[in-house]
Amino acid sequence: MPETASAGPRRTGPANLKAMAAQEIRRRVFSGQLRAGAKIDQEALADELGISKLPIREALITLDHEGVVEHIARRGAFVARMTRDDIRDHYRVFGVVSGLAAERAAKNLSPESLQALHDLADRMESAADRAEQERLNFEFHRRINYAADSRRLLSLLGMLSKTVSHGFYEAHEDWPDKARDDHRLILDALSARSAARARTLVEKHLADAGERAVALLEKQGFWNR
């Protein structure tokens, strides 16, 4: 799920610089620009981003915890070697937590909120621009997640969403149709207050996304040596 664009002036505080650096390193890793096993040149990256090395170091600590990079004593930070199953597992875990949120949402969503989800699904299907479809997809899932009314689930989803592949609507010709069908099934379950079915459908939706993420990374040469 992609991040939405922020409104207003861009903040440049320490936390924001760390987040910016982490996102840029993730982008380079998952686009294949930084290959598995490659050493991350902190000084060069800081120069390119126009920031000090401190937020770079802090970002690398975060990415180490995420499994995107690994620190080797007295040698530095390197891009971690991730297998196809690592990617699939990440999406399955993401699906489990998202499924829990959907299960809660099925009980919590008001009629007005359900209608808003139906409206989003309609807009997603009629949108011609793939980037707009993906933005609406993010909003669709965000509303379901927030309807769970669980700070813990939202915190976990926030962490998990940072390392998922984006660009599904642009990279996979069949994904818009697949997402449309999945979203309608999820909406039917939510509207019927079928919590268990909503959970199962969301879990499968994200597991299927994991398979497409592997295909997308293959296409980008992520595992090419």
C-alpha atoms as a PDB file:
ATOM      1  CA  MET A   1       0.000   0.000   0.000  1.00  0.00           C
ATOM      2  CA  PRO A   2       1.551   3.296  -0.991  1.00  0.00           C
ATOM      3  CA  GLU A   3       1.883   6.266   1.284  1.00  0.00           C
ATOM      4  CA  THR A   4      -0.324   9.271   0.616  1.00  0.00           C
ATOM      5  CA  ALA A   5       1.267  12.606  -0.177  1.00  0.00           C
ATOM      6  CA  SER A   6       1.453  14.953   2.771  1.00  0.00           C
ATOM      7  CA  ALA A   7      -0.117  18.381   2.654  1.00  0.00           C
ATOM      8  CA  GLY A   8       1.606  21.610   3.583  1.00  0.00           C
ATOM      9  CA  PRO A   9       5.282  22.417   3.939  1.00  0.00           C
ATOM     10  CA  ARG A  10       7.728  19.588   4.304  1.00  0.00           C
ATOM     11  CA  ARG A  11       9.121  19.146   7.782  1.00  0.00           C
ATOM     12  CA  THR A  12      12.839  18.771   8.135  1.00  0.00           C
ATOM     13  CA  GLY A  13      13.170  17.768  11.780  1.00  0.00           C
ATOM     14  CA  PRO A  14      15.434  14.882  12.841  1.00  0.00           C
ATOM     15  CA  ALA A  15      12.615  12.320  12.857  1.00  0.00           C
ATOM     16  CA  ASN A  16      11.512  13.362   9.383  1.00  0.00           C
ATOM     17  CA  LEU A  17      15.060  13.224   8.018  1.00  0.00           C
ATOM     18  CA  LYS A  18      15.467   9.734   9.420  1.00  0.00           C
ATOM     19  CA  ALA A  19      12.159   8.642   7.831  1.00  0.00           C
ATOM     20  CA  MET A  20      13.150  10.225   4.512  1.00  0.00           C
ATOM     21  CA  ALA A  21      16.522   8.465   4.548  1.00  0.00           C
ATOM     22  CA  ALA A  22      14.958   5.122   5.453  1.00  0.00           C
ATOM     23  CA  GLN A  23      12.395   5.410   2.668  1.00  0.00           C
ATOM     24  CA  GLU A  24      15.058   6.309   0.107  1.00  0.00           C
ATOM     25  CA  ILE A  25      17.206   3.333   1.112  1.00  0.00           C
ATOM     26  CA  ARG A  26      14.158   1.045   0.909  1.00  0.00           C
ATOM     27  CA  ARG A  27      13.376   2.424  -2.556  1.00  0.00           C
ATOM     28  CA  ARG A  28      16.913   1.764  -3.758  1.00  0.00           C
ATOM     29  CA  VAL A  29      16.917  -1.760  -2.324  1.00  0.00           C
ATOM     30  CA  PHE A  30      13.546  -2.818  -3.715  1.00  0.00           C
ATOM     31  CA  SER A  31      14.160  -1.199  -7.105  1.00  0.00           C
ATOM     32  CA  GLY A  32      17.366  -3.206  -7.442  1.00  0.00           C
ATOM     33  CA  GLN A  33      19.543  -0.081  -7.355  1.00  0.00           C
ATOM     34  CA  LEU A  34      21.208  -1.443  -4.221  1.00  0.00           C
ATOM     35  CA  ARG A  35      21.868  -5.156  -4.576  1.00  0.00           C
ATOM     36  CA  ALA A  36      21.888  -7.799  -1.868  1.00  0.00           C
ATOM     37  CA  GLY A  37      25.264  -7.876  -0.152  1.00  0.00           C
ATOM     38  CA  ALA A  38      26.200  -4.355  -1.292  1.00  0.00           C
ATOM     39  CA  LYS A  39      27.757  -2.084   1.294  1.00  0.00           C
ATOM     40  CA  ILE A  40      25.802   1.099   1.925  1.00  0.00           C
ATOM     41  CA  ASP A  41      28.074   4.127   1.619  1.00  0.00           C
ATOM     42  CA  GLN A  42      26.701   6.342   4.370  1.00  0.00           C
ATOM     43  CA  GLU A  43      28.816   9.361   3.500  1.00  0.00           C
ATOM     44  CA  ALA A  44      27.897   9.284  -0.189  1.00  0.00           C
ATOM     45  CA  LEU A  45      24.215   8.784   0.613  1.00  0.00           C
ATOM     46  CA  ALA A  46      24.252  11.694   3.059  1.00  0.00           C
ATOM     47  CA  ASP A  47      25.825  13.912   0.386  1.00  0.00           C
ATOM     48  CA  GLU A  48      23.253  12.844  -2.208  1.00  0.00           C
ATOM     49  CA  LEU A  49      20.342  13.549   0.133  1.00  0.00           C
ATOM     50  CA  GLY A  50      21.863  16.766   1.439  1.00  0.00           C
ATOM     51  CA  ILE A  51      21.738  15.703   5.077  1.00  0.00           C
ATOM     52  CA  SER A  52      24.194  14.721   7.795  1.00  0.00           C
ATOM     53  CA  LYS A  53      25.238  11.141   8.455  1.00  0.00           C
ATOM     54  CA  LEU A  54      23.312  10.976  11.755  1.00  0.00           C
ATOM     55  CA  PRO A  55      19.835  10.417  10.214  1.00  0.00           C
ATOM     56  CA  ILE A  56      21.433   7.935   7.793  1.00  0.00           C
ATOM     57  CA  ARG A  57      22.834   5.944  10.717  1.00  0.00           C
ATOM     58  CA  GLU A  58      19.497   6.098  12.527  1.00  0.00           C
ATOM     59  CA  ALA A  59      17.668   5.000   9.378  1.00  0.00           C
ATOM     60  CA  LEU A  60      19.998   2.029   8.979  1.00  0.00           C
ATOM     61  CA  ILE A  61      19.265   0.918  12.553  1.00  0.00           C
ATOM     62  CA  THR A  62      15.546   0.974  11.719  1.00  0.00           C
ATOM     63  CA  LEU A  63      16.137  -0.933   8.493  1.00  0.00           C
ATOM     64  CA  ASP A  64      18.252  -3.478  10.339  1.00  0.00           C
ATOM     65  CA  HIS A  65      15.273  -4.174  12.599  1.00  0.00           C
ATOM     66  CA  GLU A  66      13.093  -4.530   9.493  1.00  0.00           C
ATOM     67  CA  GLY A  67      15.519  -7.017   7.931  1.00  0.00           C
ATOM     68  CA  VAL A  68      16.283  -4.805   4.939  1.00  0.00           C
ATOM     69  CA  VAL A  69      19.916  -4.218   5.910  1.00  0.00           C
ATOM     70  CA  GLU A  70      22.347  -5.938   8.247  1.00  0.00           C
ATOM     71  CA  HIS A  71      25.214  -4.530  10.256  1.00  0.00           C
ATOM     72  CA  ILE A  72      28.505  -6.402  10.316  1.00  0.00           C
ATOM     73  CA  ALA A  73      30.849  -5.471  13.150  1.00  0.00           C
ATOM     74  CA  ARG A  74      33.742  -3.219  12.065  1.00  0.00           C
ATOM     75  CA  ARG A  75      32.641  -3.444   8.431  1.00  0.00           C
ATOM     76  CA  GLY A  76      29.460  -1.387   8.182  1.00  0.00           C
ATOM     77  CA  ALA A  77      25.904  -1.766   6.913  1.00  0.00           C
ATOM     78  CA  PHE A  78      25.062  -4.054   3.988  1.00  0.00           C
ATOM     79  CA  VAL A  79      21.908  -4.811   2.044  1.00  0.00           C
ATOM     80  CA  ALA A  80      20.424  -7.976   3.541  1.00  0.00           C
ATOM     81  CA  ARG A  81      19.937 -11.042   1.395  1.00  0.00           C
ATOM     82  CA  MET A  82      16.191 -11.674   1.153  1.00  0.00           C
ATOM     83  CA  THR A  83      14.678 -14.749  -0.430  1.00  0.00           C
ATOM     84  CA  ARG A  84      11.414 -14.988  -2.297  1.00  0.00           C
ATOM     85  CA  ASP A  85       9.910 -16.688   0.734  1.00  0.00           C
ATOM     86  CA  ASP A  86      11.021 -13.769   2.913  1.00  0.00           C
ATOM     87  CA  ILE A  87       8.863 -11.506   0.744  1.00  0.00           C
ATOM     88  CA  ARG A  88       5.949 -13.928   0.767  1.00  0.00           C
ATOM     89  CA  ASP A  89       6.181 -14.340   4.548  1.00  0.00           C
ATOM     90  CA  HIS A  90       6.155 -10.583   5.048  1.00  0.00           C
ATOM     91  CA  TYR A  91       2.926 -10.277   3.074  1.00  0.00           C
ATOM     92  CA  ARG A  92       1.360 -13.210   4.886  1.00  0.00           C
ATOM     93  CA  VAL A  93       2.101 -11.591   8.241  1.00  0.00           C
ATOM     94  CA  PHE A  94       0.824  -8.280   6.861  1.00  0.00           C
ATOM     95  CA  GLY A  95      -2.318 -10.130   5.793  1.00  0.00           C
ATOM     96  CA  VAL A  96      -2.847 -11.688   9.211  1.00  0.00           C
ATOM     97  CA  VAL A  97      -2.699  -8.313  10.958  1.00  0.00           C
ATOM     98  CA  SER A  98      -4.819  -6.654   8.255  1.00  0.00           C
ATOM     99  CA  GLY A  99      -7.284  -9.529   8.578  1.00  0.00           C
ATOM    100  CA  LEU A 100      -7.589  -8.890  12.315  1.00  0.00           C
ATOM    101  CA  ALA A 101      -8.322  -5.249  11.552  1.00  0.00           C
ATOM    102  CA  ALA A 102     -11.001  -6.217   9.009  1.00  0.00           C
ATOM    103  CA  GLU A 103     -12.544  -8.620  11.515  1.00  0.00           C
ATOM    104  CA  ARG A 104     -12.889  -5.770  14.021  1.00  0.00           C
ATOM    105  CA  ALA A 105     -14.053  -3.355  11.337  1.00  0.00           C
ATOM    106  CA  ALA A 106     -16.916  -5.655  10.350  1.00  0.00           C
ATOM    107  CA  LYS A 107     -18.351  -5.066  13.808  1.00  0.00           C
ATOM    108  CA  ASN A 108     -17.505  -1.372  14.090  1.00  0.00           C
ATOM    109  CA  LEU A 109     -18.206   0.241  10.717  1.00  0.00           C
ATOM    110  CA  SER A 110     -21.193   2.563  10.671  1.00  0.00           C
ATOM    111  CA  PRO A 111     -23.619   2.526   7.698  1.00  0.00           C
ATOM    112  CA  GLU A 112     -22.107   5.852   6.621  1.00  0.00           C
ATOM    113  CA  SER A 113     -18.568   4.437   6.741  1.00  0.00           C
ATOM    114  CA  LEU A 114     -19.629   1.379   4.762  1.00  0.00           C
ATOM    115  CA  GLN A 115     -21.167   3.620   2.118  1.00  0.00           C
ATOM    116  CA  ALA A 116     -17.928   5.621   1.971  1.00  0.00           C
ATOM    117  CA  LEU A 117     -16.048   2.366   1.270  1.00  0.00           C
ATOM    118  CA  HIS A 118     -18.496   1.493  -1.509  1.00  0.00           C
ATOM    119  CA  ASP A 119     -17.988   4.964  -2.979  1.00  0.00           C
ATOM    120  CA  LEU A 120     -14.212   4.502  -2.864  1.00  0.00           C
ATOM    121  CA  ALA A 121     -14.514   1.153  -4.619  1.00  0.00           C
ATOM    122  CA  ASP A 122     -16.643   2.785  -7.335  1.00  0.00           C
ATOM    123  CA  ARG A 123     -14.106   5.577  -7.807  1.00  0.00           C
ATOM    124  CA  MET A 124     -11.265   3.055  -7.944  1.00  0.00           C
ATOM    125  CA  GLU A 125     -12.981   1.128 -10.706  1.00  0.00           C
ATOM    126  CA  SER A 126     -13.772   4.213 -12.770  1.00  0.00           C
ATOM    127  CA  ALA A 127     -10.357   5.862 -12.378  1.00  0.00           C
ATOM    128  CA  ALA A 128      -8.317   5.720 -15.570  1.00  0.00           C
ATOM    129  CA  ASP A 129      -5.013   6.713 -14.003  1.00  0.00           C
ATOM    130  CA  ARG A 130      -3.143   3.818 -12.375  1.00  0.00           C
ATOM    131  CA  ALA A 131      -1.506   6.077  -9.771  1.00  0.00           C
ATOM    132  CA  GLU A 132      -4.948   7.368  -8.779  1.00  0.00           C
ATOM    133  CA  GLN A 133      -6.221   3.800  -8.510  1.00  0.00           C
ATOM    134  CA  GLU A 134      -3.373   2.966  -6.170  1.00  0.00           C
ATOM    135  CA  ARG A 135      -4.003   6.077  -4.056  1.00  0.00           C
ATOM    136  CA  LEU A 136      -7.680   5.123  -3.705  1.00  0.00           C
ATOM    137  CA  ASN A 137      -6.646   1.553  -2.873  1.00  0.00           C
ATOM    138  CA  PHE A 138      -4.521   2.882  -0.032  1.00  0.00           C
ATOM    139  CA  GLU A 139      -7.445   4.961   1.260  1.00  0.00           C
ATOM    140  CA  PHE A 140      -9.801   1.975   1.028  1.00  0.00           C
ATOM    141  CA  HIS A 141      -7.584  -0.191   3.217  1.00  0.00           C
ATOM    142  CA  ARG A 142      -6.717   2.709   5.536  1.00  0.00           C
ATOM    143  CA  ARG A 143     -10.374   3.246   6.377  1.00  0.00           C
ATOM    144  CA  ILE A 144     -10.890  -0.418   7.146  1.00  0.00           C
ATOM    145  CA  ASN A 145      -7.791  -0.467   9.338  1.00  0.00           C
ATOM    146  CA  TYR A 146      -8.862   2.611  11.294  1.00  0.00           C
ATOM    147  CA  ALA A 147     -12.338   1.157  11.777  1.00  0.00           C
ATOM    148  CA  ALA A 148     -10.725  -1.620  13.822  1.00  0.00           C
ATOM    149  CA  ASP A 149     -10.274   1.019  16.534  1.00  0.00           C
ATOM    150  CA  SER A 150      -7.038  -0.579  17.752  1.00  0.00           C
ATOM    151  CA  ARG A 151      -3.912   1.495  18.267  1.00  0.00           C
ATOM    152  CA  ARG A 152      -1.822  -1.652  18.507  1.00  0.00           C
ATOM    153  CA  LEU A 153      -3.015  -3.035  15.178  1.00  0.00           C
ATOM    154  CA  LEU A 154      -2.486   0.354  13.497  1.00  0.00           C
ATOM    155  CA  SER A 155       1.045   0.526  14.893  1.00  0.00           C
ATOM    156  CA  LEU A 156       1.885  -2.933  13.558  1.00  0.00           C
ATOM    157  CA  LEU A 157       0.315  -2.177  10.177  1.00  0.00           C
ATOM    158  CA  GLY A 158       2.307   1.035   9.951  1.00  0.00           C
ATOM    159  CA  MET A 159       5.552  -0.869  10.442  1.00  0.00           C
ATOM    160  CA  LEU A 160       4.633  -3.682   8.063  1.00  0.00           C
ATOM    161  CA  SER A 161       3.444  -1.384   5.282  1.00  0.00           C
ATOM    162  CA  LYS A 162       6.808   0.368   5.038  1.00  0.00           C
ATOM    163  CA  THR A 163       8.523  -2.598   3.437  1.00  0.00           C
ATOM    164  CA  VAL A 164       5.884  -3.736   0.984  1.00  0.00           C
ATOM    165  CA  SER A 165       6.315  -3.205  -2.751  1.00  0.00           C
ATOM    166  CA  HIS A 166       4.330  -0.418  -4.348  1.00  0.00           C
ATOM    167  CA  GLY A 167       3.320   0.182  -7.945  1.00  0.00           C
ATOM    168  CA  PHE A 168       1.041  -2.842  -8.349  1.00  0.00           C
ATOM    169  CA  TYR A 169      -1.484  -0.965 -10.457  1.00  0.00           C
ATOM    170  CA  GLU A 170       1.199   0.208 -12.866  1.00  0.00           C
ATOM    171  CA  ALA A 171       3.337  -2.935 -12.940  1.00  0.00           C
ATOM    172  CA  HIS A 172       0.673  -5.649 -13.221  1.00  0.00           C
ATOM    173  CA  GLU A 173      -1.953  -5.464 -15.946  1.00  0.00           C
ATOM    174  CA  ASP A 174      -4.241  -7.912 -14.157  1.00  0.00           C
ATOM    175  CA  TRP A 175      -3.984  -6.370 -10.685  1.00  0.00           C
ATOM    176  CA  PRO A 176      -6.755  -3.707 -11.064  1.00  0.00           C
ATOM    177  CA  ASP A 177      -9.286  -6.411 -12.009  1.00  0.00           C
ATOM    178  CA  LYS A 178      -8.035  -8.713  -9.267  1.00  0.00           C
ATOM    179  CA  ALA A 179      -8.181  -5.901  -6.677  1.00  0.00           C
ATOM    180  CA  ARG A 180     -11.664  -4.881  -7.842  1.00  0.00           C
ATOM    181  CA  ASP A 181     -13.016  -8.399  -7.363  1.00  0.00           C
ATOM    182  CA  ASP A 182     -11.301  -8.784  -3.980  1.00  0.00           C
ATOM    183  CA  HIS A 183     -12.537  -5.417  -2.756  1.00  0.00           C
ATOM    184  CA  ARG A 184     -16.132  -6.245  -3.690  1.00  0.00           C
ATOM    185  CA  LEU A 185     -15.944  -9.535  -1.807  1.00  0.00           C
ATOM    186  CA  ILE A 186     -14.426  -7.788   1.211  1.00  0.00           C
ATOM    187  CA  LEU A 187     -17.148  -5.133   1.078  1.00  0.00           C
ATOM    188  CA  ASP A 188     -19.853  -7.801   0.905  1.00  0.00           C
ATOM    189  CA  ALA A 189     -18.427  -9.445   4.019  1.00  0.00           C
ATOM    190  CA  LEU A 190     -18.150  -6.139   5.878  1.00  0.00           C
ATOM    191  CA  SER A 191     -21.697  -5.144   4.905  1.00  0.00           C
ATOM    192  CA  ALA A 192     -23.004  -8.524   6.104  1.00  0.00           C
ATOM    193  CA  ARG A 193     -21.086  -8.052   9.390  1.00  0.00           C
ATOM    194  CA  SER A 194     -19.372 -11.347   8.637  1.00  0.00           C
ATOM    195  CA  ALA A 195     -16.218 -10.763  10.661  1.00  0.00           C
ATOM    196  CA  ALA A 196     -14.603 -14.158  10.044  1.00  0.00           C
ATOM    197  CA  ARG A 197     -15.166 -13.958   6.276  1.00  0.00           C
ATOM    198  CA  ALA A 198     -13.803 -10.403   6.110  1.00  0.00           C
ATOM    199  CA  ARG A 199     -10.681 -11.550   7.922  1.00  0.00           C
ATOM    200  CA  THR A 200     -10.168 -14.539   5.590  1.00  0.00           C
ATOM    201  CA  LEU A 201     -10.683 -12.454   2.447  1.00  0.00           C
ATOM    202  CA  VAL A 202      -8.233  -9.751   3.516  1.00  0.00           C
ATOM    203  CA  GLU A 203      -5.613 -12.344   4.464  1.00  0.00           C
ATOM    204  CA  LYS A 204      -5.915 -13.946   1.012  1.00  0.00           C
ATOM    205  CA  HIS A 205      -5.856 -10.536  -0.694  1.00  0.00           C
ATOM    206  CA  LEU A 206      -2.486  -9.723   0.896  1.00  0.00           C
ATOM    207  CA  ALA A 207      -1.081 -13.232   0.347  1.00  0.00           C
ATOM    208  CA  ASP A 208      -1.922 -12.886  -3.354  1.00  0.00           C
ATOM    209  CA  ALA A 209      -0.266  -9.451  -3.327  1.00  0.00           C
ATOM    210  CA  GLY A 210       2.845 -11.140  -1.965  1.00  0.00           C
ATOM    211  CA  GLU A 211       3.004 -13.424  -4.990  1.00  0.00           C
ATOM    212  CA  ARG A 212       2.740 -10.411  -7.260  1.00  0.00           C
ATOM    213  CA  ALA A 213       5.391  -8.597  -5.236  1.00  0.00           C
ATOM    214  CA  VAL A 214       7.777 -11.481  -5.881  1.00  0.00           C
ATOM    215  CA  ALA A 215       6.957 -11.299  -9.596  1.00  0.00           C
ATOM    216  CA  LEU A 216       7.500  -7.528  -9.588  1.00  0.00           C
ATOM    217  CA  LEU A 217      10.886  -7.861  -7.869  1.00  0.00           C
ATOM    218  CA  GLU A 218      11.839 -10.617 -10.325  1.00  0.00           C
ATOM    219  CA  LYS A 219      11.002  -8.246 -13.180  1.00  0.00           C
ATOM    220  CA  GLN A 220      13.149  -5.540 -11.612  1.00  0.00           C
ATOM    221  CA  GLY A 221      16.084  -7.926 -11.344  1.00  0.00           C
ATOM    222  CA  PHE A 222      16.066  -7.941  -7.557  1.00  0.00           C
ATOM    223  CA  TRP A 223      17.665 -11.402  -7.372  1.00  0.00           C
ATOM    224  CA  ASN A 224      19.991 -10.970 -10.327  1.00  0.00           C
ATOM    225  CA  ARG A 225      23.649 -11.234  -9.386  1.00  0.00           C
END
